[in-house]
């Protein structure tokens, strides 16, 4: 029906799962400090 947040998380060996980046339906983005400037999240709403 609708999608709010889409995002990526990661889990390294021996570590807990952590947030990498998220994007809301309105286009707002959030990044982990460790990936800022290097990773870019985007979405194609027509293709979900």
ModelCIF file with pLDDT and N, C-alpha, C, O atoms, coordinates in Angstrom:
data_MODEL
#
_entry.id   MODEL 
#
_entity.id                         1 
_entity.type                       polymer 
_entity.pdbx_number_of_molecules   1 
#
_entity_poly.entity_id                      1 
_entity_poly.type                           'polypeptide(L)' 
_entity_poly.nstd_linkage                   no 
_entity_poly.nstd_monomer                   no 
_entity_poly.pdbx_seq_one_letter_code       
;(UNK)(UNK)(UNK)(UNK)(UNK)(UNK)(UNK)(UNK)(UNK)(UNK)(UNK)(UNK)(UNK)(UNK)(UNK)(UNK)
(UNK)(UNK)(UNK)(UNK)(UNK)(UNK)(UNK)(UNK)(UNK)(UNK)(UNK)(UNK)(UNK)(UNK)(UNK)(UNK)
(UNK)(UNK)(UNK)(UNK)(UNK)(UNK)(UNK)(UNK)(UNK)(UNK)(UNK)(UNK)(UNK)(UNK)(UNK)(UNK)
;
_entity_poly.pdbx_seq_one_letter_code_can   XXXXXXXXXXXXXXXXXXXXXXXXXXXXXXXXXXXXXXXXXXXXXXXX 
_entity_poly.pdbx_strand_id                 A 
#
loop_
_entity_poly_seq.entity_id 
_entity_poly_seq.num 
_entity_poly_seq.mon_id 
_entity_poly_seq.hetero 
1 1  UNK n 
1 2  UNK n 
1 3  UNK n 
1 4  UNK n 
1 5  UNK n 
1 6  UNK n 
1 7  UNK n 
1 8  UNK n 
1 9  UNK n 
1 10 UNK n 
1 11 UNK n 
1 12 UNK n 
1 13 UNK n 
1 14 UNK n 
1 15 UNK n 
1 16 UNK n 
1 17 UNK n 
1 18 UNK n 
1 19 UNK n 
1 20 UNK n 
1 21 UNK n 
1 22 UNK n 
1 23 UNK n 
1 24 UNK n 
1 25 UNK n 
1 26 UNK n 
1 27 UNK n 
1 28 UNK n 
1 29 UNK n 
1 30 UNK n 
1 31 UNK n 
1 32 UNK n 
1 33 UNK n 
1 34 UNK n 
1 35 UNK n 
1 36 UNK n 
1 37 UNK n 
1 38 UNK n 
1 39 UNK n 
1 40 UNK n 
1 41 UNK n 
1 42 UNK n 
1 43 UNK n 
1 44 UNK n 
1 45 UNK n 
1 46 UNK n 
1 47 UNK n 
1 48 UNK n 
#
_struct_asym.id          A 
_struct_asym.entity_id   1 
#
loop_
_ma_qa_metric.id 
_ma_qa_metric.mode 
_ma_qa_metric.name 
_ma_qa_metric.software_group_id 
_ma_qa_metric.type 
1 global pLDDT . pLDDT 
2 local  pLDDT . pLDDT 
#
_ma_qa_metric_global.metric_id      1 
_ma_qa_metric_global.metric_value   95.25 
_ma_qa_metric_global.model_id       1 
_ma_qa_metric_global.ordinal_id     1 
#
loop_
_ma_qa_metric_local.label_asym_id 
_ma_qa_metric_local.label_comp_id 
_ma_qa_metric_local.label_seq_id 
_ma_qa_metric_local.metric_id 
_ma_qa_metric_local.metric_value 
_ma_qa_metric_local.model_id 
_ma_qa_metric_local.ordinal_id 
A UNK 1  2 90.00 1 1  
A UNK 2  2 90.00 1 2  
A UNK 3  2 92.00 1 3  
A UNK 4  2 92.00 1 4  
A UNK 5  2 96.00 1 5  
A UNK 6  2 96.00 1 6  
A UNK 7  2 97.00 1 7  
A UNK 8  2 98.00 1 8  
A UNK 9  2 98.00 1 9  
A UNK 10 2 98.00 1 10 
A UNK 11 2 98.00 1 11 
A UNK 12 2 96.00 1 12 
A UNK 13 2 90.00 1 13 
A UNK 14 2 93.00 1 14 
A UNK 15 2 96.00 1 15 
A UNK 16 2 96.00 1 16 
A UNK 17 2 97.00 1 17 
A UNK 18 2 97.00 1 18 
A UNK 19 2 97.00 1 19 
A UNK 20 2 98.00 1 20 
A UNK 21 2 98.00 1 21 
A UNK 22 2 98.00 1 22 
A UNK 23 2 97.00 1 23 
A UNK 24 2 94.00 1 24 
A UNK 25 2 88.00 1 25 
A UNK 26 2 88.00 1 26 
A UNK 27 2 88.00 1 27 
A UNK 28 2 95.00 1 28 
A UNK 29 2 97.00 1 29 
A UNK 30 2 97.00 1 30 
A UNK 31 2 98.00 1 31 
A UNK 32 2 98.00 1 32 
A UNK 33 2 98.00 1 33 
A UNK 34 2 97.00 1 34 
A UNK 35 2 98.00 1 35 
A UNK 36 2 98.00 1 36 
A UNK 37 2 98.00 1 37 
A UNK 38 2 98.00 1 38 
A UNK 39 2 98.00 1 39 
A UNK 40 2 98.00 1 40 
A UNK 41 2 98.00 1 41 
A UNK 42 2 96.00 1 42 
A UNK 43 2 95.00 1 43 
A UNK 44 2 93.00 1 44 
A UNK 45 2 90.00 1 45 
A UNK 46 2 90.00 1 46 
A UNK 47 2 93.00 1 47 
A UNK 48 2 93.00 1 48 
#
loop_
_atom_site.group_PDB 
_atom_site.id 
_atom_site.type_symbol 
_atom_site.label_atom_id 
_atom_site.label_alt_id 
_atom_site.label_comp_id 
_atom_site.label_asym_id 
_atom_site.label_entity_id 
_atom_site.label_seq_id 
_atom_site.pdbx_PDB_ins_code 
_atom_site.Cartn_x 
_atom_site.Cartn_y 
_atom_site.Cartn_z 
_atom_site.occupancy 
_atom_site.B_iso_or_equiv 
_atom_site.pdbx_formal_charge 
_atom_site.auth_seq_id 
_atom_site.auth_comp_id 
_atom_site.auth_asym_id 
_atom_site.auth_atom_id 
_atom_site.pdbx_PDB_model_num 
ATOM 1   N N  . UNK A 1 1  ? 0.827  -1.198  0.000  1.00 90.00 ? 1  UNK A N  1 
ATOM 2   C CA . UNK A 1 1  ? 0.000  0.000   0.000  1.00 90.00 ? 1  UNK A CA 1 
ATOM 3   C C  . UNK A 1 1  ? 0.866  1.253   0.000  1.00 90.00 ? 1  UNK A C  1 
ATOM 4   O O  . UNK A 1 1  ? 0.639  2.178   -0.780 1.00 90.00 ? 1  UNK A O  1 
ATOM 5   N N  . UNK A 1 2  ? 1.838  1.272   0.865  1.00 90.00 ? 2  UNK A N  1 
ATOM 6   C CA . UNK A 1 2  ? 2.732  2.415   0.935  1.00 90.00 ? 2  UNK A CA 1 
ATOM 7   C C  . UNK A 1 2  ? 4.041  1.991   1.565  1.00 90.00 ? 2  UNK A C  1 
ATOM 8   O O  . UNK A 1 2  ? 4.096  1.055   2.363  1.00 90.00 ? 2  UNK A O  1 
ATOM 9   N N  . UNK A 1 3  ? 5.090  2.695   1.192  1.00 92.00 ? 3  UNK A N  1 
ATOM 10  C CA . UNK A 1 3  ? 6.405  2.476   1.762  1.00 92.00 ? 3  UNK A CA 1 
ATOM 11  C C  . UNK A 1 3  ? 6.847  3.752   2.451  1.00 92.00 ? 3  UNK A C  1 
ATOM 12  O O  . UNK A 1 3  ? 6.811  4.832   1.863  1.00 92.00 ? 3  UNK A O  1 
ATOM 13  N N  . UNK A 1 4  ? 7.257  3.624   3.679  1.00 92.00 ? 4  UNK A N  1 
ATOM 14  C CA . UNK A 1 4  ? 7.771  4.769   4.409  1.00 92.00 ? 4  UNK A CA 1 
ATOM 15  C C  . UNK A 1 4  ? 9.289  4.829   4.240  1.00 92.00 ? 4  UNK A C  1 
ATOM 16  O O  . UNK A 1 4  ? 9.798  5.465   3.317  1.00 92.00 ? 4  UNK A O  1 
ATOM 17  N N  . UNK A 1 5  ? 9.984  4.175   5.122  1.00 96.00 ? 5  UNK A N  1 
ATOM 18  C CA . UNK A 1 5  ? 11.434 4.215   5.102  1.00 96.00 ? 5  UNK A CA 1 
ATOM 19  C C  . UNK A 1 5  ? 12.006 3.018   4.362  1.00 96.00 ? 5  UNK A C  1 
ATOM 20  O O  . UNK A 1 5  ? 11.529 1.893   4.514  1.00 96.00 ? 5  UNK A O  1 
ATOM 21  N N  . UNK A 1 6  ? 13.023 3.271   3.568  1.00 96.00 ? 6  UNK A N  1 
ATOM 22  C CA . UNK A 1 6  ? 13.813 2.219   2.955  1.00 96.00 ? 6  UNK A CA 1 
ATOM 23  C C  . UNK A 1 6  ? 15.254 2.446   3.389  1.00 96.00 ? 6  UNK A C  1 
ATOM 24  O O  . UNK A 1 6  ? 15.708 3.585   3.498  1.00 96.00 ? 6  UNK A O  1 
ATOM 25  N N  . UNK A 1 7  ? 15.951 1.373   3.629  1.00 97.00 ? 7  UNK A N  1 
ATOM 26  C CA . UNK A 1 7  ? 17.305 1.569   4.095  1.00 97.00 ? 7  UNK A CA 1 
ATOM 27  C C  . UNK A 1 7  ? 18.169 0.340   4.008  1.00 97.00 ? 7  UNK A C  1 
ATOM 28  O O  . UNK A 1 7  ? 17.749 -0.738  3.588  1.00 97.00 ? 7  UNK A O  1 
ATOM 29  N N  . UNK A 1 8  ? 19.389 0.553   4.425  1.00 98.00 ? 8  UNK A N  1 
ATOM 30  C CA . UNK A 1 8  ? 20.389 -0.498  4.432  1.00 98.00 ? 8  UNK A CA 1 
ATOM 31  C C  . UNK A 1 8  ? 21.026 -0.591  5.807  1.00 98.00 ? 8  UNK A C  1 
ATOM 32  O O  . UNK A 1 8  ? 21.339 0.420   6.435  1.00 98.00 ? 8  UNK A O  1 
ATOM 33  N N  . UNK A 1 9  ? 21.209 -1.799  6.253  1.00 98.00 ? 9  UNK A N  1 
ATOM 34  C CA . UNK A 1 9  ? 21.920 -2.104  7.474  1.00 98.00 ? 9  UNK A CA 1 
ATOM 35  C C  . UNK A 1 9  ? 23.027 -3.085  7.132  1.00 98.00 ? 9  UNK A C  1 
ATOM 36  O O  . UNK A 1 9  ? 22.998 -3.732  6.085  1.00 98.00 ? 9  UNK A O  1 
ATOM 37  N N  . UNK A 1 10 ? 23.988 -3.186  8.010  1.00 98.00 ? 10 UNK A N  1 
ATOM 38  C CA . UNK A 1 10 ? 25.059 -4.136  7.756  1.00 98.00 ? 10 UNK A CA 1 
ATOM 39  C C  . UNK A 1 10 ? 25.508 -4.792  9.053  1.00 98.00 ? 10 UNK A C  1 
ATOM 40  O O  . UNK A 1 10 ? 25.350 -4.242  10.143 1.00 98.00 ? 10 UNK A O  1 
ATOM 41  N N  . UNK A 1 11 ? 26.063 -5.964  8.902  1.00 98.00 ? 11 UNK A N  1 
ATOM 42  C CA . UNK A 1 11 ? 26.587 -6.697  10.035 1.00 98.00 ? 11 UNK A CA 1 
ATOM 43  C C  . UNK A 1 11 ? 27.935 -7.286  9.650  1.00 98.00 ? 11 UNK A C  1 
ATOM 44  O O  . UNK A 1 11 ? 28.030 -8.158  8.786  1.00 98.00 ? 11 UNK A O  1 
ATOM 45  N N  . UNK A 1 12 ? 28.956 -6.798  10.299 1.00 96.00 ? 12 UNK A N  1 
ATOM 46  C CA . UNK A 1 12 ? 30.301 -7.290  10.076 1.00 96.00 ? 12 UNK A CA 1 
ATOM 47  C C  . UNK A 1 12 ? 30.558 -8.492  10.974 1.00 96.00 ? 12 UNK A C  1 
ATOM 48  O O  . UNK A 1 12 ? 29.876 -8.664  11.984 1.00 96.00 ? 12 UNK A O  1 
ATOM 49  N N  . UNK A 1 13 ? 31.531 -9.323  10.620 1.00 90.00 ? 13 UNK A N  1 
ATOM 50  C CA . UNK A 1 13 ? 31.836 -10.481 11.450 1.00 90.00 ? 13 UNK A CA 1 
ATOM 51  C C  . UNK A 1 13 ? 32.135 -10.088 12.892 1.00 90.00 ? 13 UNK A C  1 
ATOM 52  O O  . UNK A 1 13 ? 32.974 -9.223  13.144 1.00 90.00 ? 13 UNK A O  1 
ATOM 53  N N  . UNK A 1 14 ? 31.455 -10.717 13.822 1.00 93.00 ? 14 UNK A N  1 
ATOM 54  C CA . UNK A 1 14 ? 31.675 -10.457 15.225 1.00 93.00 ? 14 UNK A CA 1 
ATOM 55  C C  . UNK A 1 14 ? 31.082 -9.172  15.756 1.00 93.00 ? 14 UNK A C  1 
ATOM 56  O O  . UNK A 1 14 ? 31.325 -8.814  16.909 1.00 93.00 ? 14 UNK A O  1 
ATOM 57  N N  . UNK A 1 15 ? 30.312 -8.469  14.948 1.00 96.00 ? 15 UNK A N  1 
ATOM 58  C CA . UNK A 1 15 ? 29.736 -7.205  15.361 1.00 96.00 ? 15 UNK A CA 1 
ATOM 59  C C  . UNK A 1 15 ? 28.218 -7.230  15.247 1.00 96.00 ? 15 UNK A C  1 
ATOM 60  O O  . UNK A 1 15 ? 27.638 -8.100  14.597 1.00 96.00 ? 15 UNK A O  1 
ATOM 61  N N  . UNK A 1 16 ? 27.600 -6.263  15.890 1.00 96.00 ? 16 UNK A N  1 
ATOM 62  C CA . UNK A 1 16 ? 26.152 -6.140  15.834 1.00 96.00 ? 16 UNK A CA 1 
ATOM 63  C C  . UNK A 1 16 ? 25.724 -5.472  14.535 1.00 96.00 ? 16 UNK A C  1 
ATOM 64  O O  . UNK A 1 16 ? 26.489 -4.736  13.911 1.00 96.00 ? 16 UNK A O  1 
ATOM 65  N N  . UNK A 1 17 ? 24.494 -5.743  14.149 1.00 97.00 ? 17 UNK A N  1 
ATOM 66  C CA . UNK A 1 17 ? 23.958 -5.094  12.972 1.00 97.00 ? 17 UNK A CA 1 
ATOM 67  C C  . UNK A 1 17 ? 23.809 -3.595  13.228 1.00 97.00 ? 17 UNK A C  1 
ATOM 68  O O  . UNK A 1 17 ? 23.352 -3.179  14.293 1.00 97.00 ? 17 UNK A O  1 
ATOM 69  N N  . UNK A 1 18 ? 24.193 -2.808  12.257 1.00 97.00 ? 18 UNK A N  1 
ATOM 70  C CA . UNK A 1 18 ? 24.143 -1.369  12.411 1.00 97.00 ? 18 UNK A CA 1 
ATOM 71  C C  . UNK A 1 18 ? 23.497 -0.713  11.202 1.00 97.00 ? 18 UNK A C  1 
ATOM 72  O O  . UNK A 1 18 ? 23.518 -1.248  10.093 1.00 97.00 ? 18 UNK A O  1 
ATOM 73  N N  . UNK A 1 19 ? 22.933 0.441   11.440 1.00 97.00 ? 19 UNK A N  1 
ATOM 74  C CA . UNK A 1 19 ? 22.344 1.214   10.360 1.00 97.00 ? 19 UNK A CA 1 
ATOM 75  C C  . UNK A 1 19 ? 23.436 1.787   9.474  1.00 97.00 ? 19 UNK A C  1 
ATOM 76  O O  . UNK A 1 19 ? 24.448 2.291   9.960  1.00 97.00 ? 19 UNK A O  1 
ATOM 77  N N  . UNK A 1 20 ? 23.222 1.704   8.180  1.00 98.00 ? 20 UNK A N  1 
ATOM 78  C CA . UNK A 1 20 ? 24.131 2.305   7.217  1.00 98.00 ? 20 UNK A CA 1 
ATOM 79  C C  . UNK A 1 20 ? 23.526 3.582   6.654  1.00 98.00 ? 20 UNK A C  1 
ATOM 80  O O  . UNK A 1 20 ? 24.140 4.648   6.717  1.00 98.00 ? 20 UNK A O  1 
ATOM 81  N N  . UNK A 1 21 ? 22.328 3.474   6.106  1.00 98.00 ? 21 UNK A N  1 
ATOM 82  C CA . UNK A 1 21 ? 21.667 4.626   5.518  1.00 98.00 ? 21 UNK A CA 1 
ATOM 83  C C  . UNK A 1 21 ? 20.186 4.343   5.379  1.00 98.00 ? 21 UNK A C  1 
ATOM 84  O O  . UNK A 1 21 ? 19.776 3.201   5.171  1.00 98.00 ? 21 UNK A O  1 
ATOM 85  N N  . UNK A 1 22 ? 19.392 5.385   5.495  1.00 98.00 ? 22 UNK A N  1 
ATOM 86  C CA . UNK A 1 22 ? 17.957 5.267   5.284  1.00 98.00 ? 22 UNK A CA 1 
ATOM 87  C C  . UNK A 1 22 ? 17.463 6.438   4.458  1.00 98.00 ? 22 UNK A C  1 
ATOM 88  O O  . UNK A 1 22 ? 18.092 7.495   4.406  1.00 98.00 ? 22 UNK A O  1 
ATOM 89  N N  . UNK A 1 23 ? 16.340 6.235   3.823  1.00 97.00 ? 23 UNK A N  1 
ATOM 90  C CA . UNK A 1 23 ? 15.685 7.307   3.088  1.00 97.00 ? 23 UNK A CA 1 
ATOM 91  C C  . UNK A 1 23 ? 14.182 7.174   3.272  1.00 97.00 ? 23 UNK A C  1 
ATOM 92  O O  . UNK A 1 23 ? 13.630 6.076   3.201  1.00 97.00 ? 23 UNK A O  1 
ATOM 93  N N  . UNK A 1 24 ? 13.534 8.291   3.508  1.00 94.00 ? 24 UNK A N  1 
ATOM 94  C CA . UNK A 1 24 ? 12.098 8.301   3.719  1.00 94.00 ? 24 UNK A CA 1 
ATOM 95  C C  . UNK A 1 24 ? 11.373 8.514   2.401  1.00 94.00 ? 24 UNK A C  1 
ATOM 96  O O  . UNK A 1 24 ? 11.982 8.816   1.375  1.00 94.00 ? 24 UNK A O  1 
ATOM 97  N N  . UNK A 1 25 ? 10.064 8.352   2.453  1.00 88.00 ? 25 UNK A N  1 
ATOM 98  C CA . UNK A 1 25 ? 9.257  8.573   1.259  1.00 88.00 ? 25 UNK A CA 1 
ATOM 99  C C  . UNK A 1 25 ? 9.343  10.009  0.773  1.00 88.00 ? 25 UNK A C  1 
ATOM 100 O O  . UNK A 1 25 ? 9.142  10.285  -0.409 1.00 88.00 ? 25 UNK A O  1 
ATOM 101 N N  . UNK A 1 26 ? 9.641  10.923  1.686  1.00 88.00 ? 26 UNK A N  1 
ATOM 102 C CA . UNK A 1 26 ? 9.785  12.318  1.326  1.00 88.00 ? 26 UNK A CA 1 
ATOM 103 C C  . UNK A 1 26 ? 11.166 12.698  0.833  1.00 88.00 ? 26 UNK A C  1 
ATOM 104 O O  . UNK A 1 26 ? 11.397 13.844  0.449  1.00 88.00 ? 26 UNK A O  1 
ATOM 105 N N  . UNK A 1 27 ? 12.083 11.748  0.840  1.00 88.00 ? 27 UNK A N  1 
ATOM 106 C CA . UNK A 1 27 ? 13.404 11.995  0.308  1.00 88.00 ? 27 UNK A CA 1 
ATOM 107 C C  . UNK A 1 27 ? 14.471 12.335  1.322  1.00 88.00 ? 27 UNK A C  1 
ATOM 108 O O  . UNK A 1 27 ? 15.629 12.532  0.956  1.00 88.00 ? 27 UNK A O  1 
ATOM 109 N N  . UNK A 1 28 ? 14.106 12.408  2.591  1.00 95.00 ? 28 UNK A N  1 
ATOM 110 C CA . UNK A 1 28 ? 15.109 12.666  3.610  1.00 95.00 ? 28 UNK A CA 1 
ATOM 111 C C  . UNK A 1 28 ? 16.038 11.471  3.746  1.00 95.00 ? 28 UNK A C  1 
ATOM 112 O O  . UNK A 1 28 ? 15.611 10.325  3.606  1.00 95.00 ? 28 UNK A O  1 
ATOM 113 N N  . UNK A 1 29 ? 17.293 11.737  4.015  1.00 97.00 ? 29 UNK A N  1 
ATOM 114 C CA . UNK A 1 29 ? 18.277 10.670  4.148  1.00 97.00 ? 29 UNK A CA 1 
ATOM 115 C C  . UNK A 1 29 ? 19.004 10.770  5.467  1.00 97.00 ? 29 UNK A C  1 
ATOM 116 O O  . UNK A 1 29 ? 19.108 11.840  6.067  1.00 97.00 ? 29 UNK A O  1 
ATOM 117 N N  . UNK A 1 30 ? 19.499 9.641   5.902  1.00 97.00 ? 30 UNK A N  1 
ATOM 118 C CA . UNK A 1 30 ? 20.264 9.567   7.129  1.00 97.00 ? 30 UNK A CA 1 
ATOM 119 C C  . UNK A 1 30 ? 21.379 8.560   6.916  1.00 97.00 ? 30 UNK A C  1 
ATOM 120 O O  . UNK A 1 30 ? 21.156 7.484   6.362  1.00 97.00 ? 30 UNK A O  1 
ATOM 121 N N  . UNK A 1 31 ? 22.580 8.911   7.355  1.00 98.00 ? 31 UNK A N  1 
ATOM 122 C CA . UNK A 1 31 ? 23.741 8.062   7.160  1.00 98.00 ? 31 UNK A CA 1 
ATOM 123 C C  . UNK A 1 31 ? 24.478 7.849   8.462  1.00 98.00 ? 31 UNK A C  1 
ATOM 124 O O  . UNK A 1 31 ? 24.522 8.725   9.326  1.00 98.00 ? 31 UNK A O  1 
ATOM 125 N N  . UNK A 1 32 ? 25.047 6.683   8.581  1.00 98.00 ? 32 UNK A N  1 
ATOM 126 C CA . UNK A 1 32 ? 25.981 6.451   9.663  1.00 98.00 ? 32 UNK A CA 1 
ATOM 127 C C  . UNK A 1 32 ? 27.204 7.323   9.452  1.00 98.00 ? 32 UNK A C  1 
ATOM 128 O O  . UNK A 1 32 ? 27.615 7.568   8.317  1.00 98.00 ? 32 UNK A O  1 
ATOM 129 N N  . UNK A 1 33 ? 27.783 7.790   10.546 1.00 98.00 ? 33 UNK A N  1 
ATOM 130 C CA . UNK A 1 33 ? 28.948 8.660   10.436 1.00 98.00 ? 33 UNK A CA 1 
ATOM 131 C C  . UNK A 1 33 ? 30.083 7.999   9.652  1.00 98.00 ? 33 UNK A C  1 
ATOM 132 O O  . UNK A 1 33 ? 30.834 8.675   8.949  1.00 98.00 ? 33 UNK A O  1 
ATOM 133 N N  . UNK A 1 34 ? 30.200 6.708   9.774  1.00 97.00 ? 34 UNK A N  1 
ATOM 134 C CA . UNK A 1 34 ? 31.297 6.000   9.149  1.00 97.00 ? 34 UNK A CA 1 
ATOM 135 C C  . UNK A 1 34 ? 31.218 5.952   7.626  1.00 97.00 ? 34 UNK A C  1 
ATOM 136 O O  . UNK A 1 34 ? 32.210 5.646   6.966  1.00 97.00 ? 34 UNK A O  1 
ATOM 137 N N  . UNK A 1 35 ? 30.049 6.253   7.063  1.00 98.00 ? 35 UNK A N  1 
ATOM 138 C CA . UNK A 1 35 ? 29.897 6.174   5.611  1.00 98.00 ? 35 UNK A CA 1 
ATOM 139 C C  . UNK A 1 35 ? 29.570 7.509   4.972  1.00 98.00 ? 35 UNK A C  1 
ATOM 140 O O  . UNK A 1 35 ? 29.478 7.599   3.748  1.00 98.00 ? 35 UNK A O  1 
ATOM 141 N N  . UNK A 1 36 ? 29.393 8.537   5.768  1.00 98.00 ? 36 UNK A N  1 
ATOM 142 C CA . UNK A 1 36 ? 29.063 9.846   5.224  1.00 98.00 ? 36 UNK A CA 1 
ATOM 143 C C  . UNK A 1 36 ? 30.139 10.314  4.246  1.00 98.00 ? 36 UNK A C  1 
ATOM 144 O O  . UNK A 1 36 ? 31.335 10.225  4.520  1.00 98.00 ? 36 UNK A O  1 
ATOM 145 N N  . UNK A 1 37 ? 29.686 10.807  3.117  1.00 98.00 ? 37 UNK A N  1 
ATOM 146 C CA . UNK A 1 37 ? 30.602 11.272  2.095  1.00 98.00 ? 37 UNK A CA 1 
ATOM 147 C C  . UNK A 1 37 ? 31.071 10.200  1.151  1.00 98.00 ? 37 UNK A C  1 
ATOM 148 O O  . UNK A 1 37 ? 31.658 10.504  0.112  1.00 98.00 ? 37 UNK A O  1 
ATOM 149 N N  . UNK A 1 38 ? 30.825 8.941   1.489  1.00 98.00 ? 38 UNK A N  1 
ATOM 150 C CA . UNK A 1 38 ? 31.264 7.839   0.645  1.00 98.00 ? 38 UNK A CA 1 
ATOM 151 C C  . UNK A 1 38 ? 30.099 7.043   0.064  1.00 98.00 ? 38 UNK A C  1 
ATOM 152 O O  . UNK A 1 38 ? 30.178 6.545   -1.059 1.00 98.00 ? 38 UNK A O  1 
ATOM 153 N N  . UNK A 1 39 ? 29.025 6.928   0.831  1.00 98.00 ? 39 UNK A N  1 
ATOM 154 C CA . UNK A 1 39 ? 27.856 6.168   0.396  1.00 98.00 ? 39 UNK A CA 1 
ATOM 155 C C  . UNK A 1 39 ? 26.713 7.120   0.074  1.00 98.00 ? 39 UNK A C  1 
ATOM 156 O O  . UNK A 1 39 ? 26.576 8.180   0.685  1.00 98.00 ? 39 UNK A O  1 
ATOM 157 N N  . UNK A 1 40 ? 25.906 6.727   -0.886 1.00 98.00 ? 40 UNK A N  1 
ATOM 158 C CA . UNK A 1 40 ? 24.733 7.498   -1.251 1.00 98.00 ? 40 UNK A CA 1 
ATOM 159 C C  . UNK A 1 40 ? 23.540 6.570   -1.403 1.00 98.00 ? 40 UNK A C  1 
ATOM 160 O O  . UNK A 1 40 ? 23.581 5.606   -2.167 1.00 98.00 ? 40 UNK A O  1 
ATOM 161 N N  . UNK A 1 41 ? 22.488 6.869   -0.673 1.00 98.00 ? 41 UNK A N  1 
ATOM 162 C CA . UNK A 1 41 ? 21.272 6.081   -0.787 1.00 98.00 ? 41 UNK A CA 1 
ATOM 163 C C  . UNK A 1 41 ? 20.284 6.825   -1.675 1.00 98.00 ? 41 UNK A C  1 
ATOM 164 O O  . UNK A 1 41 ? 20.182 8.050   -1.618 1.00 98.00 ? 41 UNK A O  1 
ATOM 165 N N  . UNK A 1 42 ? 19.572 6.088   -2.480 1.00 96.00 ? 42 UNK A N  1 
ATOM 166 C CA . UNK A 1 42 ? 18.568 6.672   -3.352 1.00 96.00 ? 42 UNK A CA 1 
ATOM 167 C C  . UNK A 1 42 ? 17.452 5.660   -3.568 1.00 96.00 ? 42 UNK A C  1 
ATOM 168 O O  . UNK A 1 42 ? 17.594 4.482   -3.239 1.00 96.00 ? 42 UNK A O  1 
ATOM 169 N N  . UNK A 1 43 ? 16.361 6.123   -4.114 1.00 95.00 ? 43 UNK A N  1 
ATOM 170 C CA . UNK A 1 43 ? 15.238 5.224   -4.339 1.00 95.00 ? 43 UNK A CA 1 
ATOM 171 C C  . UNK A 1 43 ? 14.524 5.567   -5.633 1.00 95.00 ? 43 UNK A C  1 
ATOM 172 O O  . UNK A 1 43 ? 14.494 6.719   -6.066 1.00 95.00 ? 43 UNK A O  1 
ATOM 173 N N  . UNK A 1 44 ? 13.958 4.553   -6.228 1.00 93.00 ? 44 UNK A N  1 
ATOM 174 C CA . UNK A 1 44 ? 13.118 4.691   -7.399 1.00 93.00 ? 44 UNK A CA 1 
ATOM 175 C C  . UNK A 1 44 ? 11.738 4.219   -6.974 1.00 93.00 ? 44 UNK A C  1 
ATOM 176 O O  . UNK A 1 44 ? 11.468 3.019   -6.925 1.00 93.00 ? 44 UNK A O  1 
ATOM 177 N N  . UNK A 1 45 ? 10.881 5.156   -6.672 1.00 90.00 ? 45 UNK A N  1 
ATOM 178 C CA . UNK A 1 45 ? 9.574  4.806   -6.137 1.00 90.00 ? 45 UNK A CA 1 
ATOM 179 C C  . UNK A 1 45 ? 8.714  4.035   -7.146 1.00 90.00 ? 45 UNK A C  1 
ATOM 180 O O  . UNK A 1 45 ? 7.910  3.186   -6.760 1.00 90.00 ? 45 UNK A O  1 
ATOM 181 N N  . UNK A 1 46 ? 8.884  4.329   -8.420 1.00 90.00 ? 46 UNK A N  1 
ATOM 182 C CA . UNK A 1 46 ? 8.112  3.633   -9.436 1.00 90.00 ? 46 UNK A CA 1 
ATOM 183 C C  . UNK A 1 46 ? 8.453  2.152   -9.482 1.00 90.00 ? 46 UNK A C  1 
ATOM 184 O O  . UNK A 1 46 ? 7.620  1.329   -9.861 1.00 90.00 ? 46 UNK A O  1 
ATOM 185 N N  . UNK A 1 47 ? 9.675  1.816   -9.096 1.00 93.00 ? 47 UNK A N  1 
ATOM 186 C CA . UNK A 1 47 ? 10.126 0.432   -9.114 1.00 93.00 ? 47 UNK A CA 1 
ATOM 187 C C  . UNK A 1 47 ? 10.205 -0.180  -7.726 1.00 93.00 ? 47 UNK A C  1 
ATOM 188 O O  . UNK A 1 47 ? 10.610 -1.332  -7.576 1.00 93.00 ? 47 UNK A O  1 
ATOM 189 N N  . UNK A 1 48 ? 9.821  0.582   -6.712 1.00 93.00 ? 48 UNK A N  1 
ATOM 190 C CA . UNK A 1 48 ? 9.926  0.118   -5.326 1.00 93.00 ? 48 UNK A CA 1 
ATOM 191 C C  . UNK A 1 48 ? 11.326 -0.414  -5.040 1.00 93.00 ? 48 UNK A C  1 
ATOM 192 O O  . UNK A 1 48 ? 11.605 -0.850  -3.923 1.00 93.00 ? 48 UNK A O  1 
#
